[in-house]
Amino acid sequence: MEFKTSSFGVARVKTSQYSDGNLAILLEDEFGSPLSRLSVNMPDSAYLLNENQFFAKTYSENEEIAQDALASGLFRQTNTIVKNGWVSCPVWEILTP
C-alpha cells in the first residue's frame, strides 16, 4: 500500500506490531528509508482498539503526512480520541491491511 504525500513523494505503508502486540504503522519513502511512524503505542488505552485500529500520531512533525494519509482513503478516522499527555490521538483504522 502506498499514497502520495504533499512534501515527501510516495509513502509506502508498512504494518508491524509493538512489543505488546498493538498495531504499528510505519511509513517509508519509495527507496525504503523511514519517513514517519504514523502510530503511537498507548498500552493503557489499547482496550479501546478494534482489529486493524491504532492511535494515530497527527501532531507535531506528523501533522502534514497524517493529513495526506487520511486523504488517501487507506485509513478511516473513528469517533474515538484519546488524550495522551498534552496531545490528543484519534483512533484510525487501516482499511486495506
N, C-alpha and C. Protein backbone atom coordinates (compact mmCIF):
# COMPACT_ATOMS: atom_id res chain seq x y z
N MET A 1 0.85 -1.18 0.00
CA MET A 1 0.00 0.00 0.00
C MET A 1 0.89 1.23 0.00
N GLU A 2 0.47 2.23 -0.73
CA GLU A 2 1.22 3.48 -0.75
C GLU A 2 0.28 4.63 -1.10
N PHE A 3 0.74 5.84 -0.80
CA PHE A 3 -0.03 7.03 -1.12
C PHE A 3 0.93 8.18 -1.41
N LYS A 4 0.44 9.18 -2.10
CA LYS A 4 1.24 10.34 -2.45
C LYS A 4 1.14 11.37 -1.33
N THR A 5 2.29 11.92 -0.97
CA THR A 5 2.32 12.94 0.07
C THR A 5 2.54 14.32 -0.55
N SER A 6 2.26 15.35 0.21
CA SER A 6 2.44 16.72 -0.26
C SER A 6 3.91 17.11 -0.38
N SER A 7 4.75 16.57 0.51
CA SER A 7 6.14 17.01 0.58
C SER A 7 7.19 15.92 0.41
N PHE A 8 6.80 14.66 0.50
CA PHE A 8 7.79 13.58 0.54
C PHE A 8 7.67 12.59 -0.61
N GLY A 9 6.89 12.89 -1.62
CA GLY A 9 6.70 11.93 -2.71
C GLY A 9 5.77 10.81 -2.29
N VAL A 10 6.12 9.61 -2.67
CA VAL A 10 5.30 8.44 -2.35
C VAL A 10 5.67 7.91 -0.98
N ALA A 11 4.67 7.58 -0.19
CA ALA A 11 4.88 6.95 1.12
C ALA A 11 4.34 5.53 1.06
N ARG A 12 5.17 4.57 1.42
CA ARG A 12 4.74 3.18 1.50
C ARG A 12 4.33 2.88 2.93
N VAL A 13 3.21 2.19 3.07
CA VAL A 13 2.67 1.85 4.38
C VAL A 13 3.15 0.46 4.76
N LYS A 14 3.79 0.36 5.91
CA LYS A 14 4.25 -0.92 6.45
C LYS A 14 3.57 -1.14 7.79
N THR A 15 3.04 -2.32 7.99
CA THR A 15 2.44 -2.64 9.28
C THR A 15 3.40 -3.50 10.08
N SER A 16 3.36 -3.31 11.38
CA SER A 16 4.19 -4.07 12.31
C SER A 16 3.43 -4.14 13.62
N GLN A 17 4.10 -4.60 14.65
CA GLN A 17 3.49 -4.64 15.98
C GLN A 17 4.47 -4.11 17.00
N TYR A 18 3.93 -3.41 17.98
CA TYR A 18 4.73 -3.03 19.14
C TYR A 18 4.96 -4.29 19.97
N SER A 19 5.85 -4.24 20.93
CA SER A 19 6.18 -5.42 21.73
C SER A 19 4.99 -6.00 22.48
N ASP A 20 3.97 -5.17 22.73
CA ASP A 20 2.77 -5.66 23.42
C ASP A 20 1.70 -6.16 22.46
N GLY A 21 1.99 -6.17 21.16
CA GLY A 21 1.07 -6.70 20.17
C GLY A 21 0.19 -5.67 19.49
N ASN A 22 0.21 -4.42 19.95
CA ASN A 22 -0.60 -3.38 19.32
C ASN A 22 -0.08 -3.08 17.91
N LEU A 23 -0.98 -2.69 17.03
CA LEU A 23 -0.65 -2.40 15.64
C LEU A 23 0.23 -1.16 15.53
N ALA A 24 1.31 -1.27 14.78
CA ALA A 24 2.20 -0.15 14.49
C ALA A 24 2.14 0.13 12.99
N ILE A 25 2.08 1.40 12.62
CA ILE A 25 2.04 1.80 11.22
C ILE A 25 3.28 2.64 10.93
N LEU A 26 4.10 2.15 10.02
CA LEU A 26 5.34 2.82 9.65
C LEU A 26 5.23 3.29 8.21
N LEU A 27 5.80 4.44 7.92
CA LEU A 27 5.81 4.97 6.57
C LEU A 27 7.25 5.05 6.08
N GLU A 28 7.46 4.57 4.85
CA GLU A 28 8.78 4.60 4.22
C GLU A 28 8.67 5.35 2.90
N ASP A 29 9.80 5.91 2.44
CA ASP A 29 9.79 6.53 1.12
C ASP A 29 9.93 5.46 0.06
N GLU A 30 9.95 5.85 -1.19
CA GLU A 30 9.97 4.89 -2.29
C GLU A 30 11.25 4.06 -2.34
N PHE A 31 12.28 4.47 -1.60
CA PHE A 31 13.54 3.74 -1.56
C PHE A 31 13.67 2.86 -0.32
N GLY A 32 12.64 2.85 0.52
CA GLY A 32 12.64 2.04 1.72
C GLY A 32 13.21 2.72 2.95
N SER A 33 13.51 4.00 2.85
CA SER A 33 14.02 4.75 4.01
C SER A 33 12.84 5.21 4.86
N PRO A 34 13.01 5.23 6.19
CA PRO A 34 11.92 5.65 7.08
C PRO A 34 11.51 7.10 6.84
N LEU A 35 10.21 7.33 6.79
CA LEU A 35 9.66 8.68 6.71
C LEU A 35 9.06 9.09 8.05
N SER A 36 8.24 8.20 8.60
CA SER A 36 7.50 8.55 9.80
C SER A 36 6.88 7.31 10.43
N ARG A 37 6.59 7.42 11.70
CA ARG A 37 5.77 6.42 12.38
C ARG A 37 4.41 7.08 12.56
N LEU A 38 3.40 6.51 11.90
CA LEU A 38 2.07 7.11 11.91
C LEU A 38 1.28 6.74 13.16
N SER A 39 1.75 5.75 13.88
CA SER A 39 1.04 5.27 15.07
C SER A 39 1.78 5.64 16.34
N VAL A 40 1.03 5.64 17.43
CA VAL A 40 1.56 5.84 18.77
C VAL A 40 1.08 4.67 19.61
N ASN A 41 1.97 4.09 20.40
CA ASN A 41 1.56 2.99 21.27
C ASN A 41 1.10 3.54 22.61
N MET A 42 -0.13 3.21 22.97
CA MET A 42 -0.71 3.64 24.24
C MET A 42 -1.32 2.41 24.91
N PRO A 43 -0.48 1.57 25.52
CA PRO A 43 -0.94 0.30 26.08
C PRO A 43 -2.10 0.42 27.06
N ASP A 44 -2.12 1.48 27.86
CA ASP A 44 -3.19 1.63 28.86
C ASP A 44 -4.55 1.91 28.23
N SER A 45 -4.55 2.33 26.97
CA SER A 45 -5.81 2.62 26.28
C SER A 45 -6.11 1.62 25.17
N ALA A 46 -5.29 0.59 25.05
CA ALA A 46 -5.43 -0.38 23.95
C ALA A 46 -6.78 -1.09 23.94
N TYR A 47 -7.43 -1.16 25.08
CA TYR A 47 -8.74 -1.82 25.15
C TYR A 47 -9.78 -1.11 24.27
N LEU A 48 -9.50 0.13 23.88
CA LEU A 48 -10.41 0.89 23.02
C LEU A 48 -10.29 0.52 21.54
N LEU A 49 -9.24 -0.21 21.20
CA LEU A 49 -8.96 -0.53 19.80
C LEU A 49 -9.63 -1.81 19.35
N ASN A 50 -10.18 -1.78 18.16
CA ASN A 50 -10.67 -2.98 17.50
C ASN A 50 -9.61 -3.46 16.52
N GLU A 51 -9.87 -4.56 15.84
CA GLU A 51 -8.93 -5.09 14.87
C GLU A 51 -8.64 -4.03 13.79
N ASN A 52 -7.38 -3.94 13.39
CA ASN A 52 -6.91 -3.00 12.35
C ASN A 52 -6.99 -1.54 12.77
N GLN A 53 -7.10 -1.28 14.09
CA GLN A 53 -7.14 0.10 14.57
C GLN A 53 -5.87 0.43 15.34
N PHE A 54 -5.55 1.72 15.35
CA PHE A 54 -4.35 2.20 16.04
C PHE A 54 -4.55 3.65 16.44
N PHE A 55 -3.71 4.11 17.37
CA PHE A 55 -3.72 5.51 17.77
C PHE A 55 -2.83 6.27 16.80
N ALA A 56 -3.40 7.23 16.09
CA ALA A 56 -2.67 7.96 15.05
C ALA A 56 -1.93 9.15 15.64
N LYS A 57 -0.68 9.31 15.22
CA LYS A 57 0.11 10.48 15.61
C LYS A 57 -0.12 11.54 14.54
N THR A 58 -1.01 12.47 14.84
CA THR A 58 -1.41 13.50 13.88
C THR A 58 -0.87 14.88 14.26
N TYR A 59 0.02 14.94 15.22
CA TYR A 59 0.54 16.20 15.73
C TYR A 59 2.03 16.34 15.41
N SER A 60 2.56 17.49 15.72
CA SER A 60 3.98 17.79 15.58
C SER A 60 4.45 17.55 14.15
N GLU A 61 5.58 16.87 13.99
CA GLU A 61 6.15 16.66 12.65
C GLU A 61 5.28 15.76 11.77
N ASN A 62 4.30 15.09 12.33
CA ASN A 62 3.42 14.20 11.56
C ASN A 62 2.18 14.89 11.01
N GLU A 63 1.96 16.13 11.36
CA GLU A 63 0.70 16.79 11.01
C GLU A 63 0.39 16.71 9.51
N GLU A 64 1.33 17.09 8.66
CA GLU A 64 1.08 17.11 7.22
C GLU A 64 0.95 15.71 6.63
N ILE A 65 1.85 14.82 6.99
CA ILE A 65 1.81 13.48 6.40
C ILE A 65 0.60 12.69 6.89
N ALA A 66 0.14 12.98 8.11
CA ALA A 66 -1.08 12.33 8.62
C ALA A 66 -2.29 12.80 7.81
N GLN A 67 -2.34 14.08 7.46
CA GLN A 67 -3.44 14.58 6.62
C GLN A 67 -3.42 13.90 5.25
N ASP A 68 -2.22 13.74 4.68
CA ASP A 68 -2.08 13.05 3.39
C ASP A 68 -2.54 11.60 3.50
N ALA A 69 -2.16 10.94 4.59
CA ALA A 69 -2.52 9.54 4.78
C ALA A 69 -4.04 9.38 4.87
N LEU A 70 -4.68 10.23 5.64
CA LEU A 70 -6.13 10.15 5.79
C LEU A 70 -6.84 10.45 4.46
N ALA A 71 -6.34 11.43 3.73
CA ALA A 71 -6.93 11.79 2.44
C ALA A 71 -6.75 10.70 1.38
N SER A 72 -5.79 9.81 1.59
CA SER A 72 -5.50 8.76 0.61
C SER A 72 -6.62 7.73 0.50
N GLY A 73 -7.46 7.64 1.53
CA GLY A 73 -8.52 6.63 1.53
C GLY A 73 -8.07 5.28 2.06
N LEU A 74 -6.81 5.17 2.46
CA LEU A 74 -6.31 3.92 3.03
C LEU A 74 -6.63 3.79 4.51
N PHE A 75 -7.01 4.92 5.12
CA PHE A 75 -7.30 4.96 6.54
C PHE A 75 -8.64 5.64 6.76
N ARG A 76 -9.27 5.30 7.90
CA ARG A 76 -10.53 5.93 8.30
C ARG A 76 -10.39 6.36 9.75
N GLN A 77 -10.76 7.61 10.04
CA GLN A 77 -10.76 8.08 11.42
C GLN A 77 -12.06 7.67 12.08
N THR A 78 -11.97 7.09 13.26
CA THR A 78 -13.16 6.71 14.02
C THR A 78 -13.60 7.91 14.86
N ASN A 79 -14.60 7.72 15.68
CA ASN A 79 -15.09 8.79 16.55
C ASN A 79 -14.38 8.82 17.90
N THR A 80 -13.38 7.96 18.07
CA THR A 80 -12.68 7.87 19.35
C THR A 80 -11.40 8.69 19.31
N ILE A 81 -11.22 9.52 20.33
CA ILE A 81 -10.00 10.32 20.51
C ILE A 81 -9.56 10.15 21.95
N VAL A 82 -8.27 9.88 22.14
CA VAL A 82 -7.73 9.64 23.48
C VAL A 82 -6.66 10.68 23.79
N LYS A 83 -6.73 11.25 24.97
CA LYS A 83 -5.74 12.22 25.44
C LYS A 83 -4.47 11.47 25.83
N ASN A 84 -3.33 11.98 25.35
CA ASN A 84 -2.03 11.39 25.65
C ASN A 84 -1.10 12.54 26.06
N GLY A 85 -1.02 12.79 27.35
CA GLY A 85 -0.23 13.93 27.81
C GLY A 85 -0.86 15.23 27.34
N TRP A 86 -0.11 16.02 26.56
CA TRP A 86 -0.59 17.32 26.09
C TRP A 86 -1.30 17.24 24.75
N VAL A 87 -1.35 16.07 24.16
CA VAL A 87 -1.96 15.93 22.83
C VAL A 87 -3.11 14.94 22.85
N SER A 88 -3.91 14.99 21.80
CA SER A 88 -5.00 14.03 21.63
C SER A 88 -4.68 13.16 20.42
N CYS A 89 -4.92 11.87 20.56
CA CYS A 89 -4.64 10.91 19.49
C CYS A 89 -5.94 10.27 19.02
N PRO A 90 -6.31 10.51 17.77
CA PRO A 90 -7.51 9.87 17.25
C PRO A 90 -7.24 8.40 16.95
N VAL A 91 -8.27 7.59 17.05
CA VAL A 91 -8.16 6.19 16.65
C VAL A 91 -8.47 6.12 15.16
N TRP A 92 -7.55 5.55 14.42
CA TRP A 92 -7.72 5.33 12.98
C TRP A 92 -7.81 3.84 12.72
N GLU A 93 -8.41 3.52 11.61
CA GLU A 93 -8.48 2.14 11.14
C GLU A 93 -7.80 2.06 9.78
N ILE A 94 -6.95 1.06 9.62
CA ILE A 94 -6.35 0.83 8.31
C ILE A 94 -7.35 -0.01 7.51
N LEU A 95 -7.71 0.46 6.33
CA LEU A 95 -8.79 -0.16 5.57
C LEU A 95 -8.32 -1.30 4.69
N THR A 96 -7.05 -1.33 4.34
CA THR A 96 -6.53 -2.39 3.49
C THR A 96 -5.23 -2.92 4.10
N PRO A 97 -5.35 -3.68 5.19
CA PRO A 97 -4.12 -4.13 5.86
C PRO A 97 -3.33 -5.13 5.03
